[in-house]
Amino acid sequence: NGFLQALENRVKTRNHAVVIVAEGAGQNFFEKKEK
């Protein structure tokens, strides 16, 4: 149910994909980084 698998599903189905990400999204991935 992750984003990367979903992106792969889209590319396999339609041969292309467009992704928009806001700059503040996914900051939880950097919790170990010094603020």
PDB file of all heavy atoms in Angstrom:
ATOM      1  N   ASN A   1       0.812  -1.216   0.000  1.00  0.00           N
ATOM      2  CA  ASN A   1       0.000   0.000   0.000  1.00  0.00           C
ATOM      3  C   ASN A   1       0.850   1.272   0.000  1.00  0.00           C
ATOM      4  O   ASN A   1       0.338   2.356   0.266  1.00  0.00           O
ATOM      5  CB  ASN A   1      -0.932   0.026   1.213  1.00  0.00           C
ATOM      6  CG  ASN A   1      -1.967  -1.079   1.142  1.00  0.00           C
ATOM      7  OD1 ASN A   1      -2.588  -1.280   0.109  1.00  0.00           O
ATOM      8  ND2 ASN A   1      -2.137  -1.808   2.234  1.00  0.00           N
ATOM      9  N   GLY A   2       2.127   1.108  -0.287  1.00  0.00           N
ATOM     10  CA  GLY A   2       3.031   2.251  -0.274  1.00  0.00           C
ATOM     11  C   GLY A   2       3.004   3.035  -1.582  1.00  0.00           C
ATOM     12  O   GLY A   2       2.551   2.543  -2.627  1.00  0.00           O
ATOM     13  N   PHE A   3       3.537   4.250  -1.525  1.00  0.00           N
ATOM     14  CA  PHE A   3       3.538   5.131  -2.691  1.00  0.00           C
ATOM     15  C   PHE A   3       4.327   4.558  -3.859  1.00  0.00           C
ATOM     16  O   PHE A   3       3.890   4.620  -5.020  1.00  0.00           O
ATOM     17  CB  PHE A   3       4.105   6.506  -2.302  1.00  0.00           C
ATOM     18  CG  PHE A   3       4.476   7.348  -3.492  1.00  0.00           C
ATOM     19  CD1 PHE A   3       3.502   7.871  -4.341  1.00  0.00           C
ATOM     20  CD2 PHE A   3       5.815   7.578  -3.793  1.00  0.00           C
ATOM     21  CE1 PHE A   3       3.861   8.623  -5.452  1.00  0.00           C
ATOM     22  CE2 PHE A   3       6.173   8.340  -4.897  1.00  0.00           C
ATOM     23  CZ  PHE A   3       5.194   8.861  -5.733  1.00  0.00           C
ATOM     24  N   LEU A   4       5.497   3.970  -3.586  1.00  0.00           N
ATOM     25  CA  LEU A   4       6.347   3.482  -4.681  1.00  0.00           C
ATOM     26  C   LEU A   4       5.684   2.337  -5.441  1.00  0.00           C
ATOM     27  O   LEU A   4       5.764   2.268  -6.676  1.00  0.00           O
ATOM     28  CB  LEU A   4       7.713   3.067  -4.138  1.00  0.00           C
ATOM     29  CG  LEU A   4       8.575   4.229  -3.634  1.00  0.00           C
ATOM     30  CD1 LEU A   4       9.817   3.710  -2.927  1.00  0.00           C
ATOM     31  CD2 LEU A   4       8.956   5.165  -4.776  1.00  0.00           C
ATOM     32  N   GLN A   5       5.002   1.457  -4.706  1.00  0.00           N
ATOM     33  CA  GLN A   5       4.280   0.376  -5.374  1.00  0.00           C
ATOM     34  C   GLN A   5       3.114   0.933  -6.187  1.00  0.00           C
ATOM     35  O   GLN A   5       2.838   0.484  -7.310  1.00  0.00           O
ATOM     36  CB  GLN A   5       3.765  -0.632  -4.340  1.00  0.00           C
ATOM     37  CG  GLN A   5       3.062  -1.843  -4.947  1.00  0.00           C
ATOM     38  CD  GLN A   5       3.988  -2.653  -5.854  1.00  0.00           C
ATOM     39  OE1 GLN A   5       5.022  -3.171  -5.409  1.00  0.00           O
ATOM     40  NE2 GLN A   5       3.644  -2.769  -7.140  1.00  0.00           N
ATOM     41  N   ALA A   6       2.437   1.932  -5.625  1.00  0.00           N
ATOM     42  CA  ALA A   6       1.325   2.558  -6.340  1.00  0.00           C
ATOM     43  C   ALA A   6       1.816   3.233  -7.618  1.00  0.00           C
ATOM     44  O   ALA A   6       1.159   3.166  -8.671  1.00  0.00           O
ATOM     45  CB  ALA A   6       0.634   3.574  -5.435  1.00  0.00           C
ATOM     46  N   LEU A   7       2.981   3.885  -7.541  1.00  0.00           N
ATOM     47  CA  LEU A   7       3.557   4.529  -8.720  1.00  0.00           C
ATOM     48  C   LEU A   7       3.917   3.484  -9.778  1.00  0.00           C
ATOM     49  O   LEU A   7       3.662   3.676 -10.980  1.00  0.00           O
ATOM     50  CB  LEU A   7       4.799   5.334  -8.313  1.00  0.00           C
ATOM     51  CG  LEU A   7       5.525   6.088  -9.427  1.00  0.00           C
ATOM     52  CD1 LEU A   7       4.614   7.111 -10.093  1.00  0.00           C
ATOM     53  CD2 LEU A   7       6.784   6.771  -8.876  1.00  0.00           C
ATOM     54  N   GLU A   8       4.475   2.373  -9.327  1.00  0.00           N
ATOM     55  CA  GLU A   8       4.794   1.290 -10.269  1.00  0.00           C
ATOM     56  C   GLU A   8       3.517   0.763 -10.935  1.00  0.00           C
ATOM     57  O   GLU A   8       3.493   0.537 -12.154  1.00  0.00           O
ATOM     58  CB  GLU A   8       5.500   0.151  -9.530  1.00  0.00           C
ATOM     59  CG  GLU A   8       5.867  -1.012 -10.442  1.00  0.00           C
ATOM     60  CD  GLU A   8       6.439  -2.208  -9.691  1.00  0.00           C
ATOM     61  OE1 GLU A   8       7.025  -2.008  -8.597  1.00  0.00           O
ATOM     62  OE2 GLU A   8       6.279  -3.348 -10.183  1.00  0.00           O
ATOM     63  N   ASN A   9       2.456   0.602 -10.139  1.00  0.00           N
ATOM     64  CA  ASN A   9       1.189   0.127 -10.703  1.00  0.00           C
ATOM     65  C   ASN A   9       0.683   1.077 -11.789  1.00  0.00           C
ATOM     66  O   ASN A   9       0.205   0.644 -12.840  1.00  0.00           O
ATOM     67  CB  ASN A   9       0.131   0.013  -9.598  1.00  0.00           C
ATOM     68  CG  ASN A   9       0.486  -1.039  -8.558  1.00  0.00           C
ATOM     69  OD1 ASN A   9       1.320  -1.905  -8.799  1.00  0.00           O
ATOM     70  ND2 ASN A   9      -0.139  -0.942  -7.390  1.00  0.00           N
ATOM     71  N   ARG A  10       0.772   2.358 -11.526  1.00  0.00           N
ATOM     72  CA  ARG A  10       0.318   3.358 -12.500  1.00  0.00           C
ATOM     73  C   ARG A  10       1.162   3.301 -13.772  1.00  0.00           C
ATOM     74  O   ARG A  10       0.627   3.320 -14.891  1.00  0.00           O
ATOM     75  CB  ARG A  10       0.393   4.757 -11.867  1.00  0.00           C
ATOM     76  CG  ARG A  10       0.384   5.923 -12.831  1.00  0.00           C
ATOM     77  CD  ARG A  10      -0.939   6.149 -13.515  1.00  0.00           C
ATOM     78  NE  ARG A  10      -0.768   7.028 -14.684  1.00  0.00           N
ATOM     79  CZ  ARG A  10      -1.747   7.564 -15.376  1.00  0.00           C
ATOM     80  NH1 ARG A  10      -2.995   7.316 -15.034  1.00  0.00           N
ATOM     81  NH2 ARG A  10      -1.510   8.327 -16.418  1.00  0.00           N
ATOM     82  N   VAL A  11       2.479   3.245 -13.629  1.00  0.00           N
ATOM     83  CA  VAL A  11       3.362   3.230 -14.804  1.00  0.00           C
ATOM     84  C   VAL A  11       3.112   1.979 -15.640  1.00  0.00           C
ATOM     85  O   VAL A  11       3.072   2.040 -16.875  1.00  0.00           O
ATOM     86  CB  VAL A  11       4.842   3.334 -14.365  1.00  0.00           C
ATOM     87  CG1 VAL A  11       5.778   3.067 -15.537  1.00  0.00           C
ATOM     88  CG2 VAL A  11       5.122   4.713 -13.765  1.00  0.00           C
ATOM     89  N   LYS A  12       2.931   0.848 -14.981  1.00  0.00           N
ATOM     90  CA  LYS A  12       2.671  -0.388 -15.713  1.00  0.00           C
ATOM     91  C   LYS A  12       1.331  -0.340 -16.441  1.00  0.00           C
ATOM     92  O   LYS A  12       1.173  -0.897 -17.529  1.00  0.00           O
ATOM     93  CB  LYS A  12       2.696  -1.583 -14.755  1.00  0.00           C
ATOM     94  CG  LYS A  12       4.100  -2.018 -14.342  1.00  0.00           C
ATOM     95  CD  LYS A  12       4.030  -3.209 -13.389  1.00  0.00           C
ATOM     96  CE  LYS A  12       5.423  -3.744 -13.091  1.00  0.00           C
ATOM     97  NZ  LYS A  12       5.362  -4.865 -12.123  1.00  0.00           N
ATOM     98  N   THR A  13       0.371   0.333 -15.832  1.00  0.00           N
ATOM     99  CA  THR A  13      -0.983   0.398 -16.409  1.00  0.00           C
ATOM    100  C   THR A  13      -1.069   1.396 -17.555  1.00  0.00           C
ATOM    101  O   THR A  13      -1.664   1.131 -18.595  1.00  0.00           O
ATOM    102  CB  THR A  13      -2.005   0.797 -15.325  1.00  0.00           C
ATOM    103  OG1 THR A  13      -1.900  -0.110 -14.237  1.00  0.00           O
ATOM    104  CG2 THR A  13      -3.424   0.766 -15.875  1.00  0.00           C
ATOM    105  N   ARG A  14      -0.463   2.579 -17.380  1.00  0.00           N
ATOM    106  CA  ARG A  14      -0.655   3.673 -18.332  1.00  0.00           C
ATOM    107  C   ARG A  14       0.639   4.150 -18.996  1.00  0.00           C
ATOM    108  O   ARG A  14       0.607   5.093 -19.792  1.00  0.00           O
ATOM    109  CB  ARG A  14      -1.323   4.861 -17.627  1.00  0.00           C
ATOM    110  CG  ARG A  14      -2.703   4.538 -17.043  1.00  0.00           C
ATOM    111  CD  ARG A  14      -3.728   4.190 -18.114  1.00  0.00           C
ATOM    112  NE  ARG A  14      -3.913   5.296 -19.031  1.00  0.00           N
ATOM    113  CZ  ARG A  14      -4.718   6.322 -18.829  1.00  0.00           C
ATOM    114  NH1 ARG A  14      -5.445   6.385 -17.706  1.00  0.00           N
ATOM    115  NH2 ARG A  14      -4.843   7.278 -19.714  1.00  0.00           N
ATOM    116  N   ASN A  15       1.770   3.572 -18.629  1.00  0.00           N
ATOM    117  CA  ASN A  15       3.077   3.888 -19.235  1.00  0.00           C
ATOM    118  C   ASN A  15       3.637   5.262 -18.874  1.00  0.00           C
ATOM    119  O   ASN A  15       4.701   5.655 -19.366  1.00  0.00           O
ATOM    120  CB  ASN A  15       3.015   3.780 -20.769  1.00  0.00           C
ATOM    121  CG  ASN A  15       2.650   2.379 -21.208  1.00  0.00           C
ATOM    122  OD1 ASN A  15       3.148   1.407 -20.645  1.00  0.00           O
ATOM    123  ND2 ASN A  15       1.753   2.265 -22.181  1.00  0.00           N
ATOM    124  N   HIS A  16       2.950   6.020 -18.046  1.00  0.00           N
ATOM    125  CA  HIS A  16       3.506   7.292 -17.580  1.00  0.00           C
ATOM    126  C   HIS A  16       2.769   7.710 -16.306  1.00  0.00           C
ATOM    127  O   HIS A  16       1.696   7.177 -15.984  1.00  0.00           O
ATOM    128  CB  HIS A  16       3.384   8.397 -18.638  1.00  0.00           C
ATOM    129  CG  HIS A  16       1.988   8.892 -18.849  1.00  0.00           C
ATOM    130  ND1 HIS A  16       1.049   8.191 -19.570  1.00  0.00           N
ATOM    131  CD2 HIS A  16       1.372  10.023 -18.399  1.00  0.00           C
ATOM    132  CE1 HIS A  16      -0.088   8.862 -19.586  1.00  0.00           C
ATOM    133  NE2 HIS A  16       0.075   9.984 -18.880  1.00  0.00           N
ATOM    134  N   ALA A  17       3.359   8.662 -15.590  1.00  0.00           N
ATOM    135  CA  ALA A  17       2.736   9.160 -14.353  1.00  0.00           C
ATOM    136  C   ALA A  17       3.250  10.564 -14.061  1.00  0.00           C
ATOM    137  O   ALA A  17       4.366  10.923 -14.422  1.00  0.00           O
ATOM    138  CB  ALA A  17       3.044   8.232 -13.173  1.00  0.00           C
ATOM    139  N   VAL A  18       2.391  11.357 -13.390  1.00  0.00           N
ATOM    140  CA  VAL A  18       2.758  12.708 -12.948  1.00  0.00           C
ATOM    141  C   VAL A  18       2.506  12.788 -11.438  1.00  0.00           C
ATOM    142  O   VAL A  18       1.428  12.432 -10.955  1.00  0.00           O
ATOM    143  CB  VAL A  18       1.934  13.784 -13.684  1.00  0.00           C
ATOM    144  CG1 VAL A  18       2.249  15.170 -13.115  1.00  0.00           C
ATOM    145  CG2 VAL A  18       2.215  13.745 -15.178  1.00  0.00           C
ATOM    146  N   VAL A  19       3.534  13.238 -10.705  1.00  0.00           N
ATOM    147  CA  VAL A  19       3.476  13.307  -9.245  1.00  0.00           C
ATOM    148  C   VAL A  19       3.714  14.755  -8.811  1.00  0.00           C
ATOM    149  O   VAL A  19       4.682  15.387  -9.241  1.00  0.00           O
ATOM    150  CB  VAL A  19       4.553  12.408  -8.593  1.00  0.00           C
ATOM    151  CG1 VAL A  19       4.454  12.467  -7.072  1.00  0.00           C
ATOM    152  CG2 VAL A  19       4.436  10.972  -9.096  1.00  0.00           C
ATOM    153  N   ILE A  20       2.835  15.274  -7.952  1.00  0.00           N
ATOM    154  CA  ILE A  20       3.029  16.593  -7.332  1.00  0.00           C
ATOM    155  C   ILE A  20       3.300  16.369  -5.853  1.00  0.00           C
ATOM    156  O   ILE A  20       2.578  15.626  -5.185  1.00  0.00           O
ATOM    157  CB  ILE A  20       1.774  17.474  -7.478  1.00  0.00           C
ATOM    158  CG1 ILE A  20       1.448  17.721  -8.957  1.00  0.00           C
ATOM    159  CG2 ILE A  20       1.962  18.805  -6.754  1.00  0.00           C
ATOM    160  CD1 ILE A  20       0.112  18.430  -9.169  1.00  0.00           C
ATOM    161  N   VAL A  21       4.335  17.016  -5.336  1.00  0.00           N
ATOM    162  CA  VAL A  21       4.622  16.913  -3.909  1.00  0.00           C
ATOM    163  C   VAL A  21       4.807  18.318  -3.339  1.00  0.00           C
ATOM    164  O   VAL A  21       5.500  19.150  -3.914  1.00  0.00           O
ATOM    165  CB  VAL A  21       5.872  16.032  -3.635  1.00  0.00           C
ATOM    166  CG1 VAL A  21       7.117  16.578  -4.318  1.00  0.00           C
ATOM    167  CG2 VAL A  21       6.101  15.876  -2.136  1.00  0.00           C
ATOM    168  N   ALA A  22       4.133  18.600  -2.227  1.00  0.00           N
ATOM    169  CA  ALA A  22       4.326  19.871  -1.522  1.00  0.00           C
ATOM    170  C   ALA A  22       5.620  19.792  -0.728  1.00  0.00           C
ATOM    171  O   ALA A  22       5.988  18.728  -0.216  1.00  0.00           O
ATOM    172  CB  ALA A  22       3.147  20.141  -0.598  1.00  0.00           C
ATOM    173  N   GLU A  23       6.311  20.917  -0.597  1.00  0.00           N
ATOM    174  CA  GLU A  23       7.649  20.917   0.001  1.00  0.00           C
ATOM    175  C   GLU A  23       7.668  20.418   1.441  1.00  0.00           C
ATOM    176  O   GLU A  23       8.687  19.913   1.915  1.00  0.00           O
ATOM    177  CB  GLU A  23       8.263  22.312  -0.057  1.00  0.00           C
ATOM    178  CG  GLU A  23       7.501  23.357   0.736  1.00  0.00           C
ATOM    179  CD  GLU A  23       8.145  24.724   0.679  1.00  0.00           C
ATOM    180  OE1 GLU A  23       9.390  24.818   0.737  1.00  0.00           O
ATOM    181  OE2 GLU A  23       7.395  25.718   0.573  1.00  0.00           O
ATOM    182  N   GLY A  24       6.532  20.536   2.152  1.00  0.00           N
ATOM    183  CA  GLY A  24       6.510  20.099   3.541  1.00  0.00           C
ATOM    184  C   GLY A  24       6.051  18.666   3.733  1.00  0.00           C
ATOM    185  O   GLY A  24       5.985  18.179   4.874  1.00  0.00           O
ATOM    186  N   ALA A  25       5.756  17.976   2.653  1.00  0.00           N
ATOM    187  CA  ALA A  25       5.305  16.581   2.758  1.00  0.00           C
ATOM    188  C   ALA A  25       6.462  15.673   3.138  1.00  0.00           C
ATOM    189  O   ALA A  25       7.625  15.953   2.833  1.00  0.00           O
ATOM    190  CB  ALA A  25       4.701  16.133   1.430  1.00  0.00           C
ATOM    191  N   GLY A  26       6.136  14.572   3.794  1.00  0.00           N
ATOM    192  CA  GLY A  26       7.120  13.525   4.056  1.00  0.00           C
ATOM    193  C   GLY A  26       8.278  13.904   4.948  1.00  0.00           C
ATOM    194  O   GLY A  26       9.324  13.249   4.923  1.00  0.00           O
ATOM    195  N   GLN A  27       8.126  14.934   5.776  1.00  0.00           N
ATOM    196  CA  GLN A  27       9.242  15.323   6.646  1.00  0.00           C
ATOM    197  C   GLN A  27       9.518  14.276   7.726  1.00  0.00           C
ATOM    198  O   GLN A  27      10.575  14.294   8.356  1.00  0.00           O
ATOM    199  CB  GLN A  27       8.957  16.688   7.283  1.00  0.00           C
ATOM    200  CG  GLN A  27       8.934  17.841   6.282  1.00  0.00           C
ATOM    201  CD  GLN A  27      10.249  17.987   5.532  1.00  0.00           C
ATOM    202  OE1 GLN A  27      11.305  18.168   6.142  1.00  0.00           O
ATOM    203  NE2 GLN A  27      10.188  17.892   4.204  1.00  0.00           N
ATOM    204  N   ASN A  28       8.566  13.356   7.915  1.00  0.00           N
ATOM    205  CA  ASN A  28       8.790  12.266   8.875  1.00  0.00           C
ATOM    206  C   ASN A  28       9.937  11.357   8.446  1.00  0.00           C
ATOM    207  O   ASN A  28      10.527  10.640   9.258  1.00  0.00           O
ATOM    208  CB  ASN A  28       7.512  11.439   9.042  1.00  0.00           C
ATOM    209  CG  ASN A  28       6.966  10.922   7.727  1.00  0.00           C
ATOM    210  OD1 ASN A  28       6.563  11.714   6.873  1.00  0.00           O
ATOM    211  ND2 ASN A  28       6.921   9.609   7.553  1.00  0.00           N
ATOM    212  N   PHE A  29      10.279  11.376   7.164  1.00  0.00           N
ATOM    213  CA  PHE A  29      11.394  10.550   6.692  1.00  0.00           C
ATOM    214  C   PHE A  29      12.744  11.079   7.181  1.00  0.00           C
ATOM    215  O   PHE A  29      13.761  10.389   7.078  1.00  0.00           O
ATOM    216  CB  PHE A  29      11.423  10.498   5.156  1.00  0.00           C
ATOM    217  CG  PHE A  29      10.190   9.888   4.555  1.00  0.00           C
ATOM    218  CD1 PHE A  29       9.525  10.522   3.519  1.00  0.00           C
ATOM    219  CD2 PHE A  29       9.687   8.689   5.020  1.00  0.00           C
ATOM    220  CE1 PHE A  29       8.387   9.972   2.949  1.00  0.00           C
ATOM    221  CE2 PHE A  29       8.548   8.121   4.471  1.00  0.00           C
ATOM    222  CZ  PHE A  29       7.898   8.764   3.436  1.00  0.00           C
ATOM    223  N   PHE A  30      12.772  12.305   7.706  1.00  0.00           N
ATOM    224  CA  PHE A  30      14.043  12.943   8.077  1.00  0.00           C
ATOM    225  C   PHE A  30      14.142  13.202   9.573  1.00  0.00           C
ATOM    226  O   PHE A  30      14.903  14.063  10.010  1.00  0.00           O
ATOM    227  CB  PHE A  30      14.187  14.282   7.333  1.00  0.00           C
ATOM    228  CG  PHE A  30      13.953  14.198   5.855  1.00  0.00           C
ATOM    229  CD1 PHE A  30      12.757  14.624   5.296  1.00  0.00           C
ATOM    230  CD2 PHE A  30      14.925  13.675   5.013  1.00  0.00           C
ATOM    231  CE1 PHE A  30      12.533  14.551   3.933  1.00  0.00           C
ATOM    232  CE2 PHE A  30      14.717  13.601   3.652  1.00  0.00           C
ATOM    233  CZ  PHE A  30      13.521  14.034   3.108  1.00  0.00           C
ATOM    234  N   GLU A  31      13.392  12.426  10.361  1.00  0.00           N
ATOM    235  CA  GLU A  31      13.341  12.689  11.802  1.00  0.00           C
ATOM    236  C   GLU A  31      14.705  12.549  12.476  1.00  0.00           C
ATOM    237  O   GLU A  31      14.974  13.202  13.481  1.00  0.00           O
ATOM    238  CB  GLU A  31      12.330  11.750  12.466  1.00  0.00           C
ATOM    239  CG  GLU A  31      10.886  12.169  12.186  1.00  0.00           C
ATOM    240  CD  GLU A  31       9.876  11.186  12.740  1.00  0.00           C
ATOM    241  OE1 GLU A  31      10.304  10.106  13.210  1.00  0.00           O
ATOM    242  OE2 GLU A  31       8.671  11.490  12.694  1.00  0.00           O
ATOM    243  N   LYS A  32      15.579  11.727  11.919  1.00  0.00           N
ATOM    244  CA  LYS A  32      16.888  11.521  12.541  1.00  0.00           C
ATOM    245  C   LYS A  32      17.903  12.593  12.145  1.00  0.00           C
ATOM    246  O   LYS A  32      18.988  12.666  12.692  1.00  0.00           O
ATOM    247  CB  LYS A  32      17.429  10.137  12.165  1.00  0.00           C
ATOM    248  CG  LYS A  32      16.618   8.996  12.771  1.00  0.00           C
ATOM    249  CD  LYS A  32      17.204   7.648  12.417  1.00  0.00           C
ATOM    250  CE  LYS A  32      16.368   6.526  13.041  1.00  0.00           C
ATOM    251  NZ  LYS A  32      16.874   5.181  12.651  1.00  0.00           N
ATOM    252  N   LYS A  33      17.519  13.427  11.190  1.00  0.00           N
ATOM    253  CA  LYS A  33      18.415  14.502  10.746  1.00  0.00           C
ATOM    254  C   LYS A  33      18.407  15.631  11.771  1.00  0.00           C
ATOM    255  O   LYS A  33      17.388  15.915  12.398  1.00  0.00           O
ATOM    256  CB  LYS A  33      17.957  15.052   9.399  1.00  0.00           C
ATOM    257  CG  LYS A  33      18.085  14.058   8.256  1.00  0.00           C
ATOM    258  CD  LYS A  33      19.205  14.471   7.353  1.00  0.00           C
ATOM    259  CE  LYS A  33      19.272  13.555   6.134  1.00  0.00           C
ATOM    260  NZ  LYS A  33      20.432  13.850   5.304  1.00  0.00           N
ATOM    261  N   GLU A  34      19.554  16.290  11.928  1.00  0.00           N
ATOM    262  CA  GLU A  34      19.638  17.424  12.843  1.00  0.00           C
ATOM    263  C   GLU A  34      18.773  18.578  12.329  1.00  0.00           C
ATOM    264  O   GLU A  34      18.805  18.908  11.136  1.00  0.00           O
ATOM    265  CB  GLU A  34      21.089  17.890  12.948  1.00  0.00           C
ATOM    266  CG  GLU A  34      21.285  19.062  13.886  1.00  0.00           C
ATOM    267  CD  GLU A  34      22.708  19.613  13.833  1.00  0.00           C
ATOM    268  OE1 GLU A  34      23.555  19.004  13.159  1.00  0.00           O
ATOM    269  OE2 GLU A  34      22.933  20.668  14.455  1.00  0.00           O
ATOM    270  N   LYS A  35      17.982  19.171  13.210  1.00  0.00           N
ATOM    271  CA  LYS A  35      17.106  20.278  12.806  1.00  0.00           C
ATOM    272  C   LYS A  35      17.918  21.568  12.669  1.00  0.00           C
ATOM    273  O   LYS A  35      18.716  21.910  13.531  1.00  0.00           O
ATOM    274  CB  LYS A  35      15.974  20.462  13.824  1.00  0.00           C
ATOM    275  CG  LYS A  35      14.899  19.390  13.742  1.00  0.00           C
ATOM    276  CD  LYS A  35      13.752  19.689  14.682  1.00  0.00           C
ATOM    277  CE  LYS A  35      12.573  18.756  14.460  1.00  0.00           C
ATOM    278  NZ  LYS A  35      12.894  17.354  14.580  1.00  0.00           N
TER     279      LYS A  35
END
